[in-house]
Amino acid sequence: METACAKLTGRALAALPVTERARILSGRVTIDLDAKDVEVFSTRKEQVVRSYKGEISARVHAAHWAQAGVVLVADLLDGRSDGRTHALGQIDRAVDAVRAANATGQVLFQGDTGYFAGRVAEKIVARGALFRLGVPRSTALWRAVARVHEDDWIDALDYPDAQAALLDHAPAGWPEGTRVIARRVRYDAADLSADARSRRSRTVGRDQLALVLDGIADQAFAYSFFTTNEVLDLDEEIALAEWEFRRRTEVEELFRDTAHGAGLNHLPSASHAVNAMWMWGALLAYNLSAWLQMLAPIGTARRRIATVRRLLIARAARLTSTGRRRRLRFTAAAASLIGQTLARIRAHRRLQSA
């Protein structure tokens, strides 16, 4: 499935206009690593366990090519499977897949704190790629943040009350050139909670949070961190890297779209092999949607599976017979869109045969 998807992605990209094709194939290749738990309601299913959230679930691990909008590799494991361990094999397969699709640009891997491990960074570097990985908050990071001079904070792009800074801290034992970027966001005291379960309050340093909760301070900063091996010397480069890492939502959209549009919100069988094929059926629907959108003139923004199905697939038509020939007659709007899409496919085939 992975090999076939890589080849078909290459064929679909080859049908794009020259400038768009060059942007995707020759520009930077961003691969997002992420995982999604799929809850089930029976412990009799193979390779399902109770996750840290308390749900009986399996876990889908996937690598998603952001610029092309396709899934490169995926595996179905149990609900406690560790992305830091499993990513090592997926990194190799993902790089091989983008090269099989004829992409030549620099590869950049992105992942949240679930992929924060020196061995993951080393594997990425060994494949000649760059990385951006979320960093769990720690005492060392709080100390590094405290050393940042106020003038060194840079306004974040498209994020009011947010700033970014390069820290003089790097995880021990990581590849040479690794650095950490911090983002801080200002919140008023009314926006912070004393509840230990509050996700926002957990991102505020303990000392700052105590001052706010005691009424001594009326504002506090919430922090998040990621590490990278990119060369970032200019303020503009730091701000852009933070902006891109913050906007890595394509892989999350993958899981939302496949859950609501292709059935990846449940696993129907007790057999792990059957459920793995069910997973790939949902992911293939996602990739088919992406390939169709490369060829169909339905706008520049990515449409969800249900929308593509409504516009291009599930269209009513009359079957007519004229002169011993049968034809499907669509409505005017559908006929125009489907006709343009088929014309692009035929033009691409003629170009390949020539």
Protein backbone atom coordinates (compact mmCIF):
# COMPACT_ATOMS: atom_id res chain seq x y z
CA MET A 1 0.00 0.00 0.00
CA GLU A 2 2.76 2.45 0.90
CA THR A 3 4.72 1.72 -2.27
CA ALA A 4 1.64 2.05 -4.47
CA CYS A 5 0.57 5.29 -2.77
CA ALA A 6 4.03 6.80 -3.30
CA LYS A 7 3.99 5.95 -7.01
CA LEU A 8 0.45 7.26 -7.50
CA THR A 9 1.33 10.46 -5.65
CA GLY A 10 4.21 10.97 -8.08
CA ARG A 11 1.86 10.45 -11.04
CA ALA A 12 -0.72 12.86 -9.64
CA LEU A 13 1.91 15.51 -8.93
CA ALA A 14 3.26 15.12 -12.46
CA ALA A 15 -0.15 16.23 -13.76
CA LEU A 16 0.03 19.57 -11.93
CA PRO A 17 1.07 22.81 -13.67
CA VAL A 18 4.84 23.19 -13.91
CA THR A 19 5.22 25.87 -11.23
CA GLU A 20 3.02 24.06 -8.70
CA ARG A 21 4.71 20.73 -9.41
CA ALA A 22 8.15 22.28 -8.96
CA ARG A 23 7.12 23.92 -5.69
CA ILE A 24 6.07 20.59 -4.17
CA LEU A 25 8.75 18.31 -5.64
CA SER A 26 11.76 20.65 -5.48
CA GLY A 27 10.83 22.66 -2.39
CA ARG A 28 11.07 21.57 1.22
CA VAL A 29 9.29 18.32 2.05
CA THR A 30 7.58 18.56 5.44
CA ILE A 31 6.62 15.22 6.99
CA ASP A 32 4.44 15.34 10.10
CA LEU A 33 4.53 12.39 12.52
CA ASP A 34 1.49 11.83 14.71
CA ALA A 35 -0.71 9.16 16.25
CA LYS A 36 -4.43 8.73 16.88
CA ASP A 37 -6.19 6.46 19.33
CA VAL A 38 -9.20 4.59 17.96
CA GLU A 39 -11.46 3.56 20.83
CA VAL A 40 -13.06 0.11 20.81
CA PHE A 41 -15.42 -1.50 23.28
CA SER A 42 -14.16 -5.04 23.55
CA THR A 43 -10.95 -6.47 24.96
CA ARG A 44 -11.42 -9.48 22.69
CA LYS A 45 -10.06 -7.56 19.72
CA GLU A 46 -6.43 -8.33 18.91
CA GLN A 47 -3.76 -5.77 19.84
CA VAL A 48 -5.96 -3.42 21.83
CA VAL A 49 -5.14 -2.31 25.37
CA ARG A 50 -6.28 0.34 27.79
CA SER A 51 -4.47 3.58 26.96
CA TYR A 52 -3.18 6.15 29.42
CA LYS A 53 -6.54 7.92 29.04
CA GLY A 54 -8.30 4.82 30.31
CA GLU A 55 -9.84 3.90 26.95
CA ILE A 56 -9.59 0.48 25.33
CA SER A 57 -8.01 1.42 22.02
CA ALA A 58 -5.67 0.74 19.16
CA ARG A 59 -3.34 3.46 17.91
CA VAL A 60 -2.76 4.59 14.34
CA HIS A 61 0.78 5.89 13.75
CA ALA A 62 1.09 7.88 10.51
CA ALA A 63 3.52 10.05 8.57
CA HIS A 64 1.88 12.75 6.46
CA TRP A 65 3.44 14.77 3.62
CA ALA A 66 2.15 18.27 4.28
CA GLN A 67 2.75 19.90 0.88
CA ALA A 68 1.19 17.04 -1.11
CA GLY A 69 -1.53 16.34 1.47
CA VAL A 70 -1.09 12.55 1.41
CA VAL A 71 -0.32 9.79 3.89
CA LEU A 72 3.09 8.25 3.27
CA VAL A 73 3.27 5.43 5.83
CA ALA A 74 1.01 4.12 8.58
CA ASP A 75 0.82 1.31 11.13
CA LEU A 76 -1.89 0.07 13.47
CA LEU A 77 -0.58 -0.81 16.94
CA ASP A 78 -1.98 -1.04 20.43
CA GLY A 79 -3.11 1.94 22.47
CA ARG A 80 0.11 2.13 24.49
CA SER A 81 2.55 1.92 21.59
CA ASP A 82 5.29 4.52 21.83
CA GLY A 83 5.84 6.89 18.92
CA ARG A 84 9.46 7.45 19.94
CA THR A 85 10.22 3.78 19.37
CA HIS A 86 8.01 3.16 16.36
CA ALA A 87 9.03 6.33 14.50
CA LEU A 88 12.50 4.95 13.76
CA GLY A 89 11.23 2.58 11.08
CA GLN A 90 8.64 5.03 9.78
CA ILE A 91 11.30 7.69 9.19
CA ASP A 92 13.14 5.42 6.76
CA ARG A 93 9.95 4.42 4.97
CA ALA A 94 8.70 8.01 4.75
CA VAL A 95 11.93 9.29 3.19
CA ASP A 96 11.92 6.39 0.72
CA ALA A 97 8.29 7.18 -0.16
CA VAL A 98 8.86 10.87 -0.98
CA ARG A 99 11.88 9.95 -3.09
CA ALA A 100 9.78 7.35 -4.91
CA ALA A 101 7.29 10.14 -5.62
CA ASN A 102 10.17 12.07 -7.29
CA ALA A 103 10.54 14.70 -4.57
CA THR A 104 14.10 16.07 -4.40
CA GLY A 105 13.79 18.82 -1.77
CA GLN A 106 15.18 18.92 1.76
CA VAL A 107 13.11 16.74 4.12
CA LEU A 108 11.91 18.15 7.44
CA PHE A 109 10.25 15.96 10.08
CA GLN A 110 7.88 17.47 12.64
CA GLY A 111 6.39 15.85 15.72
CA ASP A 112 4.95 16.72 19.11
CA THR A 113 6.45 15.82 22.50
CA GLY A 114 5.49 12.18 21.94
CA TYR A 115 8.45 11.97 19.54
CA PHE A 116 10.98 13.76 21.75
CA ALA A 117 13.94 11.38 21.92
CA GLY A 118 17.58 11.62 20.97
CA ARG A 119 17.40 8.40 18.97
CA VAL A 120 14.56 9.84 16.85
CA ALA A 121 16.63 12.96 16.11
CA GLU A 122 19.69 10.84 15.30
CA LYS A 123 17.70 8.69 12.88
CA ILE A 124 16.36 11.80 11.12
CA VAL A 125 19.85 13.29 10.82
CA ALA A 126 21.18 9.95 9.54
CA ARG A 127 18.70 10.21 6.66
CA GLY A 128 19.98 13.69 5.82
CA ALA A 129 16.84 15.42 7.10
CA LEU A 130 15.98 18.22 9.51
CA PHE A 131 13.72 17.94 12.54
CA ARG A 132 11.36 19.96 14.72
CA LEU A 133 10.21 18.04 17.77
CA GLY A 134 8.16 19.25 20.72
CA VAL A 135 10.04 19.37 24.04
CA PRO A 136 8.40 18.45 27.36
CA ARG A 137 8.65 21.18 29.99
CA SER A 138 11.42 20.61 32.53
CA THR A 139 13.38 22.41 35.21
CA ALA A 140 16.27 22.95 32.78
CA LEU A 141 13.93 24.66 30.31
CA TRP A 142 12.47 26.96 32.96
CA ARG A 143 16.01 27.98 33.91
CA ALA A 144 16.88 28.61 30.25
CA VAL A 145 13.77 30.75 29.79
CA ALA A 146 14.70 32.83 32.83
CA ARG A 147 18.05 33.65 31.18
CA VAL A 148 16.44 35.15 28.06
CA HIS A 149 16.72 38.94 28.05
CA GLU A 150 13.44 40.75 27.48
CA ASP A 151 14.81 42.38 24.31
CA ASP A 152 15.54 38.96 22.78
CA TRP A 153 11.89 37.96 22.52
CA ILE A 154 10.54 38.23 18.95
CA ASP A 155 6.90 38.87 18.09
CA ALA A 156 5.29 35.67 16.79
CA LEU A 157 3.69 35.66 13.35
CA ASP A 158 -0.13 35.73 13.23
CA TYR A 159 -0.44 35.27 17.00
CA PRO A 160 -1.28 38.34 19.14
CA ASP A 161 0.34 38.46 22.61
CA ALA A 162 2.78 35.70 21.61
CA GLN A 163 6.57 35.88 21.28
CA ALA A 164 9.38 33.47 20.41
CA ALA A 165 13.03 33.23 21.43
CA LEU A 166 16.05 31.00 20.84
CA LEU A 167 17.29 29.47 24.12
CA ASP A 168 20.89 28.84 25.14
CA HIS A 169 19.96 25.25 25.92
CA ALA A 170 20.13 21.96 24.04
CA PRO A 171 19.13 18.44 25.14
CA ALA A 172 22.13 16.43 26.29
CA GLY A 173 23.42 13.83 23.84
CA TRP A 174 21.43 15.11 20.85
CA PRO A 175 22.97 15.69 17.39
CA GLU A 176 25.34 18.62 16.99
CA GLY A 177 23.61 21.88 16.16
CA THR A 178 20.44 21.07 18.09
CA ARG A 179 18.75 24.11 19.61
CA VAL A 180 15.50 24.90 21.42
CA ILE A 181 12.95 27.57 20.53
CA ALA A 182 10.47 28.80 23.14
CA ARG A 183 7.12 30.45 22.58
CA ARG A 184 5.38 32.43 25.29
CA VAL A 185 1.81 33.70 25.28
CA ARG A 186 0.52 36.33 27.70
CA TYR A 187 -2.69 35.51 29.61
CA ASP A 188 -4.68 37.55 32.10
CA ALA A 189 -5.26 36.14 35.57
CA ALA A 190 -8.93 35.55 34.76
CA ASP A 191 -7.91 33.15 31.96
CA LEU A 192 -5.91 30.87 34.28
CA SER A 193 -7.33 28.20 36.55
CA ALA A 194 -6.13 26.68 39.81
CA ASP A 195 -7.45 23.29 38.66
CA ALA A 196 -4.53 20.88 38.23
CA ARG A 197 -6.29 19.43 35.19
CA SER A 198 -6.23 22.77 33.36
CA ARG A 199 -4.11 22.36 30.25
CA ARG A 200 -3.37 26.07 29.97
CA SER A 201 -2.29 26.47 33.60
CA ARG A 202 0.16 23.57 33.23
CA THR A 203 2.03 25.60 30.61
CA VAL A 204 2.74 28.40 33.09
CA GLY A 205 5.77 28.25 35.38
CA ARG A 206 4.92 27.33 38.97
CA ASP A 207 6.24 30.59 40.42
CA GLN A 208 4.31 32.74 37.93
CA LEU A 209 1.13 30.71 38.42
CA ALA A 210 1.39 31.04 42.21
CA LEU A 211 1.72 34.82 41.93
CA VAL A 212 -1.35 35.01 39.69
CA LEU A 213 -3.47 32.73 41.85
CA ASP A 214 -2.50 34.65 44.99
CA GLY A 215 -3.58 37.90 43.35
CA ILE A 216 -0.07 39.37 43.35
CA ALA A 217 0.28 39.39 39.56
CA ASP A 218 -2.47 40.10 37.04
CA GLN A 219 -0.75 38.42 34.05
CA ALA A 220 1.43 35.39 33.33
CA PHE A 221 3.13 33.74 30.37
CA ALA A 222 2.35 30.24 29.11
CA TYR A 223 5.29 28.51 27.44
CA SER A 224 5.81 25.78 24.85
CA PHE A 225 9.05 24.50 23.35
CA PHE A 226 10.39 22.65 20.35
CA THR A 227 13.87 21.58 19.33
CA THR A 228 15.38 21.74 15.86
CA ASN A 229 18.67 21.28 14.00
CA GLU A 230 17.93 24.07 11.51
CA VAL A 231 20.37 26.96 11.17
CA LEU A 232 18.37 29.90 12.54
CA ASP A 233 20.48 33.06 12.85
CA LEU A 234 18.01 35.81 11.98
CA ASP A 235 14.97 36.89 13.96
CA GLU A 236 12.83 36.38 10.86
CA GLU A 237 14.02 32.77 10.58
CA ILE A 238 13.18 32.04 14.22
CA ALA A 239 9.73 33.58 13.89
CA LEU A 240 9.04 31.66 10.66
CA ALA A 241 10.15 28.33 12.15
CA GLU A 242 7.87 28.87 15.17
CA TRP A 243 4.97 29.83 12.89
CA GLU A 244 5.40 26.73 10.70
CA PHE A 245 5.68 24.40 13.68
CA ARG A 246 2.56 25.90 15.24
CA ARG A 247 0.60 25.46 12.01
CA ARG A 248 1.38 21.77 11.49
CA THR A 249 -2.32 20.92 11.49
CA GLU A 250 -2.51 18.89 8.28
CA VAL A 251 -1.83 15.61 10.08
CA GLU A 252 -4.54 16.41 12.64
CA GLU A 253 -6.93 17.18 9.79
CA LEU A 254 -6.00 13.77 8.35
CA PHE A 255 -7.31 12.03 11.45
CA ARG A 256 -10.45 14.18 11.64
CA ASP A 257 -11.25 13.66 7.98
CA THR A 258 -10.71 9.91 8.00
CA ALA A 259 -12.71 9.55 11.22
CA HIS A 260 -15.76 11.43 9.95
CA GLY A 261 -15.45 10.79 6.22
CA ALA A 262 -13.93 7.32 5.89
CA GLY A 263 -14.80 5.29 8.99
CA LEU A 264 -11.54 5.50 10.95
CA ASN A 265 -13.45 6.20 14.15
CA HIS A 266 -13.92 2.50 14.83
CA LEU A 267 -12.36 -0.88 14.07
CA PRO A 268 -14.99 -3.46 13.10
CA SER A 269 -13.21 -6.79 13.50
CA ALA A 270 -11.64 -8.86 16.26
CA SER A 271 -8.78 -9.58 13.85
CA HIS A 272 -5.86 -7.17 13.85
CA ALA A 273 -5.10 -7.98 10.20
CA VAL A 274 -8.65 -7.06 9.17
CA ASN A 275 -8.54 -3.86 11.22
CA ALA A 276 -5.20 -2.93 9.65
CA MET A 277 -6.78 -3.25 6.21
CA TRP A 278 -9.76 -1.20 7.43
CA MET A 279 -7.29 1.49 8.50
CA TRP A 280 -5.65 1.47 5.09
CA GLY A 281 -9.05 1.64 3.41
CA ALA A 282 -9.74 4.89 5.29
CA LEU A 283 -6.26 6.26 4.55
CA LEU A 284 -6.57 5.31 0.89
CA ALA A 285 -9.85 7.25 0.73
CA TYR A 286 -7.95 10.24 2.11
CA ASN A 287 -5.19 9.87 -0.50
CA LEU A 288 -7.71 9.37 -3.31
CA SER A 289 -9.32 12.61 -2.22
CA ALA A 290 -5.92 14.35 -2.35
CA TRP A 291 -5.07 12.96 -5.80
CA LEU A 292 -8.45 14.00 -7.18
CA GLN A 293 -8.01 17.51 -5.81
CA MET A 294 -4.66 17.78 -7.61
CA LEU A 295 -6.52 17.18 -10.86
CA ALA A 296 -9.93 18.74 -10.23
CA PRO A 297 -10.53 22.52 -10.40
CA ILE A 298 -12.40 22.75 -7.09
CA GLY A 299 -10.31 25.48 -5.45
CA THR A 300 -6.91 25.88 -3.83
CA ALA A 301 -7.96 25.03 -0.25
CA ARG A 302 -8.09 21.36 0.60
CA ARG A 303 -11.62 19.95 0.69
CA ARG A 304 -12.70 17.15 2.97
CA ILE A 305 -13.51 13.65 1.74
CA ALA A 306 -17.26 14.21 2.03
CA THR A 307 -17.04 17.36 -0.08
CA VAL A 308 -14.98 15.68 -2.82
CA ARG A 309 -17.41 12.77 -2.81
CA ARG A 310 -20.34 15.17 -3.21
CA LEU A 311 -18.69 17.25 -5.97
CA LEU A 312 -17.03 14.56 -8.08
CA ILE A 313 -18.24 11.07 -7.17
CA ALA A 314 -21.80 10.85 -5.85
CA ARG A 315 -23.44 12.83 -8.67
CA ALA A 316 -26.83 11.97 -10.08
CA ALA A 317 -27.01 11.26 -13.81
CA ARG A 318 -29.34 9.78 -16.42
CA LEU A 319 -28.19 6.83 -18.50
CA THR A 320 -29.34 7.37 -22.09
CA SER A 321 -28.96 5.36 -25.29
CA THR A 322 -28.38 7.06 -28.64
CA GLY A 323 -27.27 5.33 -31.83
CA ARG A 324 -26.28 2.16 -29.96
CA ARG A 325 -24.14 4.21 -27.58
CA ARG A 326 -24.87 4.73 -23.92
CA ARG A 327 -24.08 8.00 -22.21
CA LEU A 328 -24.25 9.37 -18.69
CA ARG A 329 -25.86 12.80 -18.66
CA PHE A 330 -25.07 14.91 -15.57
CA THR A 331 -26.48 18.23 -14.52
CA ALA A 332 -24.76 21.26 -16.08
CA ALA A 333 -22.65 22.10 -12.99
CA ALA A 334 -21.51 18.50 -12.49
CA ALA A 335 -20.85 17.99 -16.20
CA SER A 336 -18.58 21.04 -16.33
CA LEU A 337 -16.51 20.05 -13.28
CA ILE A 338 -16.22 16.37 -14.21
CA GLY A 339 -15.45 17.29 -17.81
CA GLN A 340 -12.60 19.60 -16.79
CA THR A 341 -11.17 16.93 -14.47
CA LEU A 342 -11.29 14.25 -17.17
CA ALA A 343 -9.70 16.66 -19.66
CA ARG A 344 -6.76 17.20 -17.29
CA ILE A 345 -6.32 13.45 -16.85
CA ARG A 346 -6.41 12.85 -20.63
CA ALA A 347 -3.95 15.68 -21.25
CA HIS A 348 -1.56 14.20 -18.70
CA ARG A 349 -1.83 10.77 -20.33
CA ARG A 350 -1.05 12.20 -23.76
CA LEU A 351 1.97 14.03 -22.31
CA GLN A 352 3.26 10.82 -20.71
CA SER A 353 2.78 8.77 -23.87
CA ALA A 354 4.60 11.41 -25.91
